[in-house]
Amino acid sequence: MESLRDQVMNRWQLPLGIAADQRVVLSFVLDARGNVIRTAVVDDSDPQLAESVLRALTEGAPYPSLVDGGAECISGIPIFGTFKNPASPH
């Protein structure tokens, strides 16, 4: 899961004007190939921030590190992740 988080964080483009240390809690489901098949925002500090992290999550798929690590075990099971932007983009 750490590699998935790292991939999302590397891909995440923060919207302009978002304050530092905002958070988004997502629920998502992966298939056995590491593709995102369902997402939901559970909680967010800012809707634009939530949309940006959802985009990073879905565009970053598939997650081969999970496939190599046995994604079949977690396929179809909701996963919850909290993503916090480390700093304001400007």
C-alpha atoms as a PDB file:
ATOM      1  CA  MET A   1       0.000   0.000   0.000  1.00  0.00           C
ATOM      2  CA  GLU A   2       2.959   2.287   0.572  1.00  0.00           C
ATOM      3  CA  SER A   3       3.889   2.095  -3.100  1.00  0.00           C
ATOM      4  CA  LEU A   4       0.311   2.951  -4.113  1.00  0.00           C
ATOM      5  CA  ARG A   5       0.409   5.993  -1.835  1.00  0.00           C
ATOM      6  CA  ASP A   6       3.769   7.038  -3.266  1.00  0.00           C
ATOM      7  CA  GLN A   7       2.481   6.699  -6.837  1.00  0.00           C
ATOM      8  CA  VAL A   8      -0.574   8.814  -6.047  1.00  0.00           C
ATOM      9  CA  MET A   9       1.477  11.452  -4.240  1.00  0.00           C
ATOM     10  CA  ASN A  10       3.933  11.684  -7.169  1.00  0.00           C
ATOM     11  CA  ARG A  11       1.071  12.171  -9.615  1.00  0.00           C
ATOM     12  CA  TRP A  12      -1.042  14.521  -7.474  1.00  0.00           C
ATOM     13  CA  GLN A  13      -1.328  18.026  -8.920  1.00  0.00           C
ATOM     14  CA  LEU A  14      -2.600  20.380  -6.234  1.00  0.00           C
ATOM     15  CA  PRO A  15      -5.161  22.972  -7.297  1.00  0.00           C
ATOM     16  CA  LEU A  16      -4.053  26.582  -6.992  1.00  0.00           C
ATOM     17  CA  GLY A  17      -4.939  28.337  -3.783  1.00  0.00           C
ATOM     18  CA  ILE A  18      -5.292  25.242  -1.608  1.00  0.00           C
ATOM     19  CA  ALA A  19      -3.968  25.782   1.903  1.00  0.00           C
ATOM     20  CA  ALA A  20      -1.322  23.413   3.253  1.00  0.00           C
ATOM     21  CA  ASP A  21      -2.236  20.446   5.439  1.00  0.00           C
ATOM     22  CA  GLN A  22      -5.703  19.805   4.021  1.00  0.00           C
ATOM     23  CA  ARG A  23      -6.869  16.199   3.901  1.00  0.00           C
ATOM     24  CA  VAL A  24      -9.042  13.926   1.839  1.00  0.00           C
ATOM     25  CA  VAL A  25     -10.310  10.501   2.900  1.00  0.00           C
ATOM     26  CA  LEU A  26     -11.110   8.187   0.004  1.00  0.00           C
ATOM     27  CA  SER A  27     -12.650   4.779  -0.299  1.00  0.00           C
ATOM     28  CA  PHE A  28     -11.629   2.852  -3.390  1.00  0.00           C
ATOM     29  CA  VAL A  29     -11.809  -0.644  -4.798  1.00  0.00           C
ATOM     30  CA  LEU A  30      -9.211  -2.308  -7.007  1.00  0.00           C
ATOM     31  CA  ASP A  31      -9.585  -5.294  -9.287  1.00  0.00           C
ATOM     32  CA  ALA A  32      -7.103  -8.182  -9.403  1.00  0.00           C
ATOM     33  CA  ARG A  33      -5.006  -6.321 -11.998  1.00  0.00           C
ATOM     34  CA  GLY A  34      -4.577  -3.240  -9.823  1.00  0.00           C
ATOM     35  CA  ASN A  35      -7.111  -1.094 -11.711  1.00  0.00           C
ATOM     36  CA  VAL A  36      -9.379   1.271  -9.793  1.00  0.00           C
ATOM     37  CA  ILE A  37     -12.961   0.113 -10.298  1.00  0.00           C
ATOM     38  CA  ARG A  38     -14.803   2.278  -7.758  1.00  0.00           C
ATOM     39  CA  THR A  39     -14.054   5.431  -5.765  1.00  0.00           C
ATOM     40  CA  ALA A  40     -15.840   7.572  -3.224  1.00  0.00           C
ATOM     41  CA  VAL A  41     -14.899  10.625  -1.209  1.00  0.00           C
ATOM     42  CA  VAL A  42     -15.549   9.862   2.458  1.00  0.00           C
ATOM     43  CA  ASP A  43     -14.404  13.215   3.844  1.00  0.00           C
ATOM     44  CA  ASP A  44     -12.598  16.238   2.478  1.00  0.00           C
ATOM     45  CA  SER A  45     -11.346  19.638   3.523  1.00  0.00           C
ATOM     46  CA  ASP A  46     -11.950  21.033   0.042  1.00  0.00           C
ATOM     47  CA  PRO A  47     -13.923  19.582  -2.911  1.00  0.00           C
ATOM     48  CA  GLN A  48     -11.286  20.720  -5.443  1.00  0.00           C
ATOM     49  CA  LEU A  49      -8.606  18.939  -3.457  1.00  0.00           C
ATOM     50  CA  ALA A  50     -10.741  15.785  -3.315  1.00  0.00           C
ATOM     51  CA  GLU A  51     -11.232  15.847  -7.075  1.00  0.00           C
ATOM     52  CA  SER A  52      -7.508  16.298  -7.669  1.00  0.00           C
ATOM     53  CA  VAL A  53      -6.519  13.311  -5.526  1.00  0.00           C
ATOM     54  CA  LEU A  54      -9.243  11.165  -7.125  1.00  0.00           C
ATOM     55  CA  ARG A  55      -7.826  12.057 -10.515  1.00  0.00           C
ATOM     56  CA  ALA A  56      -4.307  11.130  -9.368  1.00  0.00           C
ATOM     57  CA  LEU A  57      -5.564   7.802  -8.012  1.00  0.00           C
ATOM     58  CA  THR A  58      -7.497   6.796 -11.124  1.00  0.00           C
ATOM     59  CA  GLU A  59      -4.959   8.072 -13.665  1.00  0.00           C
ATOM     60  CA  GLY A  60      -2.127   6.303 -11.829  1.00  0.00           C
ATOM     61  CA  ALA A  61      -3.718   2.882 -12.283  1.00  0.00           C
ATOM     62  CA  PRO A  62      -2.975   0.097 -12.716  1.00  0.00           C
ATOM     63  CA  TYR A  63      -0.851  -0.384  -9.638  1.00  0.00           C
ATOM     64  CA  PRO A  64       1.564  -3.150 -10.686  1.00  0.00           C
ATOM     65  CA  SER A  65       3.257  -3.308  -7.296  1.00  0.00           C
ATOM     66  CA  LEU A  66      -0.035  -4.502  -5.843  1.00  0.00           C
ATOM     67  CA  VAL A  67      -0.515  -7.021  -8.628  1.00  0.00           C
ATOM     68  CA  ASP A  68       2.958  -8.407  -8.050  1.00  0.00           C
ATOM     69  CA  GLY A  69       2.220  -8.477  -4.342  1.00  0.00           C
ATOM     70  CA  GLY A  70      -1.030 -10.401  -4.746  1.00  0.00           C
ATOM     71  CA  ALA A  71      -3.771  -7.872  -5.461  1.00  0.00           C
ATOM     72  CA  GLU A  72      -6.201 -10.777  -5.795  1.00  0.00           C
ATOM     73  CA  CYS A  73      -6.323 -10.823  -1.989  1.00  0.00           C
ATOM     74  CA  ILE A  74      -7.638  -7.266  -1.829  1.00  0.00           C
ATOM     75  CA  SER A  75      -9.567  -7.222  -5.082  1.00  0.00           C
ATOM     76  CA  GLY A  76     -13.153  -6.093  -4.585  1.00  0.00           C
ATOM     77  CA  ILE A  77     -12.593  -5.011  -0.978  1.00  0.00           C
ATOM     78  CA  PRO A  78     -13.013  -1.313  -0.109  1.00  0.00           C
ATOM     79  CA  ILE A  79      -9.745   0.328   0.896  1.00  0.00           C
ATOM     80  CA  PHE A  80      -9.718   3.579   2.835  1.00  0.00           C
ATOM     81  CA  GLY A  81      -6.886   6.042   2.429  1.00  0.00           C
ATOM     82  CA  THR A  82      -6.206   9.459   3.878  1.00  0.00           C
ATOM     83  CA  PHE A  83      -4.267  11.818   1.638  1.00  0.00           C
ATOM     84  CA  LYS A  84      -2.868  15.045   3.019  1.00  0.00           C
ATOM     85  CA  ASN A  85      -1.348  17.708   0.819  1.00  0.00           C
ATOM     86  CA  PRO A  86       2.116  18.483   2.154  1.00  0.00           C
ATOM     87  CA  ALA A  87       2.264  22.132   1.142  1.00  0.00           C
ATOM     88  CA  SER A  88       0.463  24.828  -0.729  1.00  0.00           C
ATOM     89  CA  PRO A  89       1.490  24.930  -4.415  1.00  0.00           C
ATOM     90  CA  HIS A  90       2.121  28.700  -4.201  1.00  0.00           C
END
